[in-house]
PDB file of N, CA and C in Angstrom:
ATOM      1  N   MET A   1       0.865  -1.341   0.079  1.00  0.00           N
ATOM      2  CA  MET A   1       0.069   0.020  -0.170  1.00  0.00           C
ATOM      3  C   MET A   1       1.043   1.240  -0.173  1.00  0.00           C
ATOM      4  N   VAL A   2       0.699   2.244  -0.708  1.00  0.00           N
ATOM      5  CA  VAL A   2       1.382   3.406  -0.822  1.00  0.00           C
ATOM      6  C   VAL A   2       0.381   4.450  -0.749  1.00  0.00           C
ATOM      7  N   LYS A   3       1.021   5.433   0.200  1.00  0.00           N
ATOM      8  CA  LYS A   3       0.073   6.540   0.601  1.00  0.00           C
ATOM      9  C   LYS A   3      -1.402   6.424   0.608  1.00  0.00           C
ATOM     10  N   GLY A   4      -1.787   5.260   1.395  1.00  0.00           N
ATOM     11  CA  GLY A   4      -3.256   5.059   1.783  1.00  0.00           C
ATOM     12  C   GLY A   4      -3.838   4.285   0.413  1.00  0.00           C
ATOM     13  N   ARG A   5      -3.426   4.080  -0.535  1.00  0.00           N
ATOM     14  CA  ARG A   5      -4.127   3.549  -1.824  1.00  0.00           C
ATOM     15  C   ARG A   5      -4.482   2.172  -1.535  1.00  0.00           C
ATOM     16  N   ASP A   6      -5.520   1.707  -1.789  1.00  0.00           N
ATOM     17  CA  ASP A   6      -6.047   0.274  -1.531  1.00  0.00           C
ATOM     18  C   ASP A   6      -5.831  -0.302  -0.206  1.00  0.00           C
ATOM     19  N   GLY A   7      -5.811   0.686   0.667  1.00  0.00           N
ATOM     20  CA  GLY A   7      -5.813   0.500   2.129  1.00  0.00           C
ATOM     21  C   GLY A   7      -7.225   0.100   2.441  1.00  0.00           C
ATOM     22  N   LEU A   8      -7.302  -0.612   3.787  1.00  0.00           N
ATOM     23  CA  LEU A   8      -8.704  -0.763   4.602  1.00  0.00           C
ATOM     24  C   LEU A   8      -9.126   0.632   5.119  1.00  0.00           C
ATOM     25  N   LYS A   9     -10.292   0.609   4.915  1.00  0.00           N
ATOM     26  CA  LYS A   9     -11.141   1.679   5.863  1.00  0.00           C
ATOM     27  C   LYS A   9     -11.478   1.454   6.842  1.00  0.00           C
ATOM     28  N   ILE A  10     -11.279   2.268   7.875  1.00  0.00           N
ATOM     29  CA  ILE A  10     -11.460   1.853   9.310  1.00  0.00           C
ATOM     30  C   ILE A  10     -11.939   3.397   9.997  1.00  0.00           C
ATOM     31  N   VAL A  11     -12.822   3.114  11.230  1.00  0.00           N
ATOM     32  CA  VAL A  11     -13.164   4.359  11.663  1.00  0.00           C
ATOM     33  C   VAL A  11     -12.069   4.420  13.098  1.00  0.00           C
ATOM     34  N   TYR A  12     -11.167   5.246  13.221  1.00  0.00           N
ATOM     35  CA  TYR A  12     -10.373   5.576  14.181  1.00  0.00           C
ATOM     36  C   TYR A  12     -10.543   6.864  14.920  1.00  0.00           C
ATOM     37  N   LYS A  13     -10.732   6.675  16.265  1.00  0.00           N
ATOM     38  CA  LYS A  13     -10.818   7.521  17.281  1.00  0.00           C
ATOM     39  C   LYS A  13     -12.218   8.612  16.628  1.00  0.00           C
ATOM     40  N   GLY A  14     -13.184   7.938  15.819  1.00  0.00           N
ATOM     41  CA  GLY A  14     -14.312   8.890  15.614  1.00  0.00           C
ATOM     42  C   GLY A  14     -14.239   9.432  14.025  1.00  0.00           C
ATOM     43  N   VAL A  15     -13.238   9.053  13.489  1.00  0.00           N
ATOM     44  CA  VAL A  15     -13.022   9.522  12.131  1.00  0.00           C
ATOM     45  C   VAL A  15     -12.794   8.355  10.902  1.00  0.00           C
ATOM     46  N   LEU A  16     -13.310   8.441   9.807  1.00  0.00           N
ATOM     47  CA  LEU A  16     -13.075   7.473   8.852  1.00  0.00           C
ATOM     48  C   LEU A  16     -11.528   7.783   8.306  1.00  0.00           C
ATOM     49  N   CYS A  17     -11.048   6.660   8.249  1.00  0.00           N
ATOM     50  CA  CYS A  17      -9.655   6.854   7.750  1.00  0.00           C
ATOM     51  C   CYS A  17      -9.432   5.425   6.784  1.00  0.00           C
ATOM     52  N   GLU A  18      -8.236   5.596   6.011  1.00  0.00           N
ATOM     53  CA  GLU A  18      -7.922   4.590   5.264  1.00  0.00           C
ATOM     54  C   GLU A  18      -6.166   4.207   5.707  1.00  0.00           C
ATOM     55  N   THR A  19      -6.154   2.930   5.860  1.00  0.00           N
ATOM     56  CA  THR A  19      -4.756   2.658   6.219  1.00  0.00           C
ATOM     57  C   THR A  19      -3.733   2.554   5.086  1.00  0.00           C
ATOM     58  N   GLY A  20      -2.373   2.743   5.377  1.00  0.00           N
ATOM     59  CA  GLY A  20      -1.503   2.517   4.418  1.00  0.00           C
ATOM     60  C   GLY A  20       0.092   2.997   4.997  1.00  0.00           C
ATOM     61  N   TYR A  21       0.787   3.456   4.198  1.00  0.00           N
ATOM     62  CA  TYR A  21       2.306   3.601   4.560  1.00  0.00           C
ATOM     63  C   TYR A  21       2.765   4.947   4.031  1.00  0.00           C
ATOM     64  N   GLU A  22       3.363   5.744   4.787  1.00  0.00           N
ATOM     65  CA  GLU A  22       4.038   6.894   4.149  1.00  0.00           C
ATOM     66  C   GLU A  22       5.357   6.795   4.015  1.00  0.00           C
ATOM     67  N   ARG A  23       6.294   7.502   3.279  1.00  0.00           N
ATOM     68  CA  ARG A  23       7.643   7.224   3.047  1.00  0.00           C
ATOM     69  C   ARG A  23       8.258   8.307   3.960  1.00  0.00           C
ATOM     70  N   ILE A  24       8.976   8.179   4.893  1.00  0.00           N
ATOM     71  CA  ILE A  24       9.615   9.164   5.831  1.00  0.00           C
ATOM     72  C   ILE A  24      11.138   8.793   5.719  1.00  0.00           C
ATOM     73  N   MET A  25      11.921   9.687   5.207  1.00  0.00           N
ATOM     74  CA  MET A  25      13.405   9.490   5.091  1.00  0.00           C
ATOM     75  C   MET A  25      13.742   8.135   4.688  1.00  0.00           C
ATOM     76  N   GLY A  26      13.204   7.577   3.461  1.00  0.00           N
ATOM     77  CA  GLY A  26      13.464   6.425   3.015  1.00  0.00           C
ATOM     78  C   GLY A  26      12.771   5.143   3.604  1.00  0.00           C
ATOM     79  N   GLU A  27      12.008   5.208   4.566  1.00  0.00           N
ATOM     80  CA  GLU A  27      11.537   4.256   5.095  1.00  0.00           C
ATOM     81  C   GLU A  27       9.982   4.043   5.207  1.00  0.00           C
ATOM     82  N   SER A  28       9.149   3.021   5.071  1.00  0.00           N
ATOM     83  CA  SER A  28       8.001   3.127   5.074  1.00  0.00           C
ATOM     84  C   SER A  28       7.451   2.992   6.434  1.00  0.00           C
ATOM     85  N   VAL A  29       6.408   3.922   6.996  1.00  0.00           N
ATOM     86  CA  VAL A  29       5.710   4.142   8.003  1.00  0.00           C
ATOM     87  C   VAL A  29       4.541   3.807   8.293  1.00  0.00           C
ATOM     88  N   PRO A  30       3.983   2.943   8.921  1.00  0.00           N
ATOM     89  CA  PRO A  30       2.631   3.119   9.214  1.00  0.00           C
ATOM     90  C   PRO A  30       1.686   4.193   9.011  1.00  0.00           C
ATOM     91  N   ALA A  31       0.681   4.414   8.525  1.00  0.00           N
ATOM     92  CA  ALA A  31       0.111   5.520   8.696  1.00  0.00           C
ATOM     93  C   ALA A  31      -1.650   5.348   8.488  1.00  0.00           C
ATOM     94  N   LEU A  32      -2.304   6.424   8.795  1.00  0.00           N
ATOM     95  CA  LEU A  32      -3.641   6.550   8.514  1.00  0.00           C
ATOM     96  C   LEU A  32      -3.796   7.854   7.624  1.00  0.00           C
ATOM     97  N   PHE A  33      -4.773   7.612   6.581  1.00  0.00           N
ATOM     98  CA  PHE A  33      -4.985   8.756   5.837  1.00  0.00           C
ATOM     99  C   PHE A  33      -6.486   9.264   5.947  1.00  0.00           C
ATOM    100  N   LEU A  34      -6.860  10.312   6.361  1.00  0.00           N
ATOM    101  CA  LEU A  34      -8.243  10.925   6.569  1.00  0.00           C
ATOM    102  C   LEU A  34      -9.146  10.840   5.669  1.00  0.00           C
ATOM    103  N   LEU A  35     -10.194  10.025   5.651  1.00  0.00           N
ATOM    104  CA  LEU A  35     -11.186  10.226   4.407  1.00  0.00           C
ATOM    105  C   LEU A  35     -12.299  11.109   4.907  1.00  0.00           C
ATOM    106  N   ASP A  36     -12.915  11.226   6.231  1.00  0.00           N
ATOM    107  CA  ASP A  36     -14.067  11.762   6.665  1.00  0.00           C
ATOM    108  C   ASP A  36     -13.857  12.025   7.895  1.00  0.00           C
ATOM    109  N   SER A  37     -14.483  13.333   8.335  1.00  0.00           N
ATOM    110  CA  SER A  37     -14.569  13.553   9.859  1.00  0.00           C
ATOM    111  C   SER A  37     -15.713  14.296  10.271  1.00  0.00           C
ATOM    112  N   PRO A  38     -16.455  14.217  11.231  1.00  0.00           N
ATOM    113  CA  PRO A  38     -17.676  15.128  11.530  1.00  0.00           C
ATOM    114  C   PRO A  38     -17.265  16.700  11.579  1.00  0.00           C
ATOM    115  N   ASN A  39     -16.185  16.791  12.269  1.00  0.00           N
ATOM    116  CA  ASN A  39     -15.681  18.483  12.509  1.00  0.00           C
ATOM    117  C   ASN A  39     -13.942  18.385  12.738  1.00  0.00           C
ATOM    118  N   SER A  40     -13.603  19.525  12.731  1.00  0.00           N
ATOM    119  CA  SER A  40     -12.282  19.446  12.876  1.00  0.00           C
ATOM    120  C   SER A  40     -11.808  19.115  14.125  1.00  0.00           C
ATOM    121  N   GLU A  41     -12.553  19.493  15.305  1.00  0.00           N
ATOM    122  CA  GLU A  41     -12.169  19.078  16.545  1.00  0.00           C
ATOM    123  C   GLU A  41     -11.968  17.755  16.808  1.00  0.00           C
ATOM    124  N   LYS A  42     -12.809  16.682  16.252  1.00  0.00           N
ATOM    125  CA  LYS A  42     -12.388  15.194  16.225  1.00  0.00           C
ATOM    126  C   LYS A  42     -11.251  15.000  15.211  1.00  0.00           C
ATOM    127  N   THR A  43     -10.900  15.674  14.178  1.00  0.00           N
ATOM    128  CA  THR A  43      -9.689  15.486  13.447  1.00  0.00           C
ATOM    129  C   THR A  43      -8.378  15.672  14.299  1.00  0.00           C
ATOM    130  N   TYR A  44      -8.469  16.706  15.109  1.00  0.00           N
ATOM    131  CA  TYR A  44      -7.386  16.832  15.900  1.00  0.00           C
ATOM    132  C   TYR A  44      -7.218  15.982  17.022  1.00  0.00           C
ATOM    133  N   GLU A  45      -8.322  15.366  17.486  1.00  0.00           N
ATOM    134  CA  GLU A  45      -8.340  14.501  18.716  1.00  0.00           C
ATOM    135  C   GLU A  45      -7.741  13.233  18.281  1.00  0.00           C
ATOM    136  N   ALA A  46      -8.246  12.877  17.063  1.00  0.00           N
ATOM    137  CA  ALA A  46      -7.750  11.423  16.318  1.00  0.00           C
ATOM    138  C   ALA A  46      -5.972  11.514  16.047  1.00  0.00           C
ATOM    139  N   GLY A  47      -5.639  12.781  16.324  1.00  0.00           N
ATOM    140  CA  GLY A  47      -4.096  13.027  16.080  1.00  0.00           C
ATOM    141  C   GLY A  47      -3.784  13.371  14.762  1.00  0.00           C
ATOM    142  N   PHE A  48      -4.780  13.608  13.815  1.00  0.00           N
ATOM    143  CA  PHE A  48      -4.154  14.254  12.371  1.00  0.00           C
ATOM    144  C   PHE A  48      -3.815  15.819  12.706  1.00  0.00           C
ATOM    145  N   GLU A  49      -2.570  15.795  12.715  1.00  0.00           N
ATOM    146  CA  GLU A  49      -2.187  17.320  12.622  1.00  0.00           C
ATOM    147  C   GLU A  49      -1.261  18.080  11.718  1.00  0.00           C
ATOM    148  N   GLU A  50      -1.017  17.155  10.551  1.00  0.00           N
ATOM    149  CA  GLU A  50      -0.085  17.785   9.401  1.00  0.00           C
ATOM    150  C   GLU A  50      -0.839  17.218   8.087  1.00  0.00           C
ATOM    151  N   MET A  51      -0.229  17.902   7.216  1.00  0.00           N
ATOM    152  CA  MET A  51      -0.667  17.431   5.794  1.00  0.00           C
ATOM    153  C   MET A  51       0.678  16.938   5.382  1.00  0.00           C
ATOM    154  N   HIS A  52       0.345  15.829   4.318  1.00  0.00           N
ATOM    155  CA  HIS A  52       1.622  15.243   3.671  1.00  0.00           C
ATOM    156  C   HIS A  52       0.913  15.277   2.071  1.00  0.00           C
ATOM    157  N   TYR A  53       1.647  15.871   1.203  1.00  0.00           N
ATOM    158  CA  TYR A  53       1.221  15.811  -0.253  1.00  0.00           C
ATOM    159  C   TYR A  53      -0.203  15.828  -0.086  1.00  0.00           C
ATOM    160  N   GLY A  54      -0.562  17.174   0.185  1.00  0.00           N
ATOM    161  CA  GLY A  54      -2.149  17.249   0.318  1.00  0.00           C
ATOM    162  C   GLY A  54      -3.184  16.569   1.050  1.00  0.00           C
ATOM    163  N   ARG A  55      -2.710  15.655   1.767  1.00  0.00           N
ATOM    164  CA  ARG A  55      -3.546  14.804   2.496  1.00  0.00           C
ATOM    165  C   ARG A  55      -3.383  14.708   3.888  1.00  0.00           C
ATOM    166  N   TRP A  56      -4.172  14.747   4.814  1.00  0.00           N
ATOM    167  CA  TRP A  56      -4.474  14.709   6.257  1.00  0.00           C
ATOM    168  C   TRP A  56      -3.681  13.278   6.781  1.00  0.00           C
ATOM    169  N   VAL A  57      -2.624  13.281   7.278  1.00  0.00           N
ATOM    170  CA  VAL A  57      -1.781  11.854   7.672  1.00  0.00           C
ATOM    171  C   VAL A  57      -1.651  11.935   8.991  1.00  0.00           C
ATOM    172  N   LYS A  58      -1.930  10.596   9.661  1.00  0.00           N
ATOM    173  CA  LYS A  58      -1.333  10.373  11.112  1.00  0.00           C
ATOM    174  C   LYS A  58      -0.359   9.311  11.025  1.00  0.00           C
ATOM    175  N   LEU A  59       1.100   9.637  11.313  1.00  0.00           N
ATOM    176  CA  LEU A  59       1.985   8.703  11.275  1.00  0.00           C
ATOM    177  C   LEU A  59       1.883   7.803  12.706  1.00  0.00           C
ATOM    178  N   LEU A  60       1.799   6.484  12.457  1.00  0.00           N
ATOM    179  CA  LEU A  60       1.426   5.622  13.753  1.00  0.00           C
ATOM    180  C   LEU A  60       2.595   5.401  14.742  1.00  0.00           C
ATOM    181  N   THR A  61       2.522   5.311  16.014  1.00  0.00           N
ATOM    182  CA  THR A  61       3.471   4.917  16.795  1.00  0.00           C
ATOM    183  C   THR A  61       3.394   3.339  16.805  1.00  0.00           C
ATOM    184  N   GLU A  62       4.304   2.594  17.590  1.00  0.00           N
ATOM    185  CA  GLU A  62       4.214   1.219  17.590  1.00  0.00           C
ATOM    186  C   GLU A  62       3.129   0.938  18.306  1.00  0.00           C
ATOM    187  N   THR A  63       2.517   1.672  19.387  1.00  0.00           N
ATOM    188  CA  THR A  63       1.208   1.363  20.197  1.00  0.00           C
ATOM    189  C   THR A  63       0.132   1.395  19.252  1.00  0.00           C
ATOM    190  N   GLU A  64      -0.028   2.640  18.753  1.00  0.00           N
ATOM    191  CA  GLU A  64      -1.355   3.088  17.673  1.00  0.00           C
ATOM    192  C   GLU A  64      -1.165   2.020  16.708  1.00  0.00           C
ATOM    193  N   PHE A  65      -0.147   1.589  16.242  1.00  0.00           N
ATOM    194  CA  PHE A  65      -0.258   0.608  15.005  1.00  0.00           C
ATOM    195  C   PHE A  65      -0.963  -0.637  15.450  1.00  0.00           C
ATOM    196  N   LYS A  66      -0.681  -1.072  16.690  1.00  0.00           N
ATOM    197  CA  LYS A  66      -1.036  -2.482  17.310  1.00  0.00           C
ATOM    198  C   LYS A  66      -2.720  -2.066  17.574  1.00  0.00           C
ATOM    199  N   GLU A  67      -3.141  -0.992  17.856  1.00  0.00           N
ATOM    200  CA  GLU A  67      -4.420  -0.609  18.202  1.00  0.00           C
ATOM    201  C   GLU A  67      -5.398  -0.596  16.842  1.00  0.00           C
ATOM    202  N   VAL A  68      -4.723  -0.125  15.828  1.00  0.00           N
ATOM    203  CA  VAL A  68      -5.093  -0.156  14.370  1.00  0.00           C
ATOM    204  C   VAL A  68      -5.473  -1.667  13.970  1.00  0.00           C
ATOM    205  N   LEU A  69      -4.363  -2.676  14.352  1.00  0.00           N
ATOM    206  CA  LEU A  69      -4.374  -3.671  13.746  1.00  0.00           C
ATOM    207  C   LEU A  69      -5.536  -4.642  14.479  1.00  0.00           C
ATOM    208  N   ASP A  70      -5.559  -4.247  15.983  1.00  0.00           N
ATOM    209  CA  ASP A  70      -6.891  -4.749  16.633  1.00  0.00           C
ATOM    210  C   ASP A  70      -7.984  -4.298  15.916  1.00  0.00           C
ATOM    211  N   LEU A  71      -8.356  -3.164  15.673  1.00  0.00           N
ATOM    212  CA  LEU A  71      -9.396  -2.802  14.956  1.00  0.00           C
ATOM    213  C   LEU A  71      -9.729  -3.498  13.726  1.00  0.00           C
ATOM    214  N   ILE A  72      -8.640  -3.685  12.913  1.00  0.00           N
ATOM    215  CA  ILE A  72      -8.849  -4.493  11.515  1.00  0.00           C
ATOM    216  C   ILE A  72      -9.224  -5.723  11.871  1.00  0.00           C
ATOM    217  N   GLU A  73      -8.838  -6.230  13.030  1.00  0.00           N
ATOM    218  CA  GLU A  73      -9.048  -7.878  13.238  1.00  0.00           C
ATOM    219  C   GLU A  73     -10.626  -8.119  13.591  1.00  0.00           C
ATOM    220  N   LYS A  74     -10.961  -7.015  14.599  1.00  0.00           N
ATOM    221  CA  LYS A  74     -12.593  -7.043  14.856  1.00  0.00           C
ATOM    222  C   LYS A  74     -13.130  -6.757  13.606  1.00  0.00           C
ATOM    223  N   LYS A  75     -13.012  -5.885  12.751  1.00  0.00           N
ATOM    224  CA  LYS A  75     -13.695  -5.700  11.682  1.00  0.00           C
ATOM    225  C   LYS A  75     -13.745  -6.647  10.389  1.00  0.00           C
ATOM    226  N   TYR A  76     -12.743  -7.400  10.333  1.00  0.00           N
ATOM    227  CA  TYR A  76     -12.959  -8.146   9.026  1.00  0.00           C
ATOM    228  C   TYR A  76     -12.467  -9.570   9.240  1.00  0.00           C
ATOM    229  N   MET A  77     -12.027 -10.087  10.539  1.00  0.00           N
ATOM    230  CA  MET A  77     -12.070 -11.284  10.784  1.00  0.00           C
ATOM    231  C   MET A  77     -13.083 -12.058  11.427  1.00  0.00           C
TER     232      MET A  77
END
């Protein structure tokens, strides 16, 4: 998955996101790409604080990545 394309759609902390990876300094970092949010406050609460290439992106920490994997497992497994 590159820049969220063909990723899975999930609801993360109240906002609709797509999973994927973002290239940072030559490395692929797990990320969420914002698709829809009820308001800007929810967007910031979910951790979307900066744009990459014109898209709102949340780079995931290891803990957040595990949380997202759990959400995916519950939804798709």
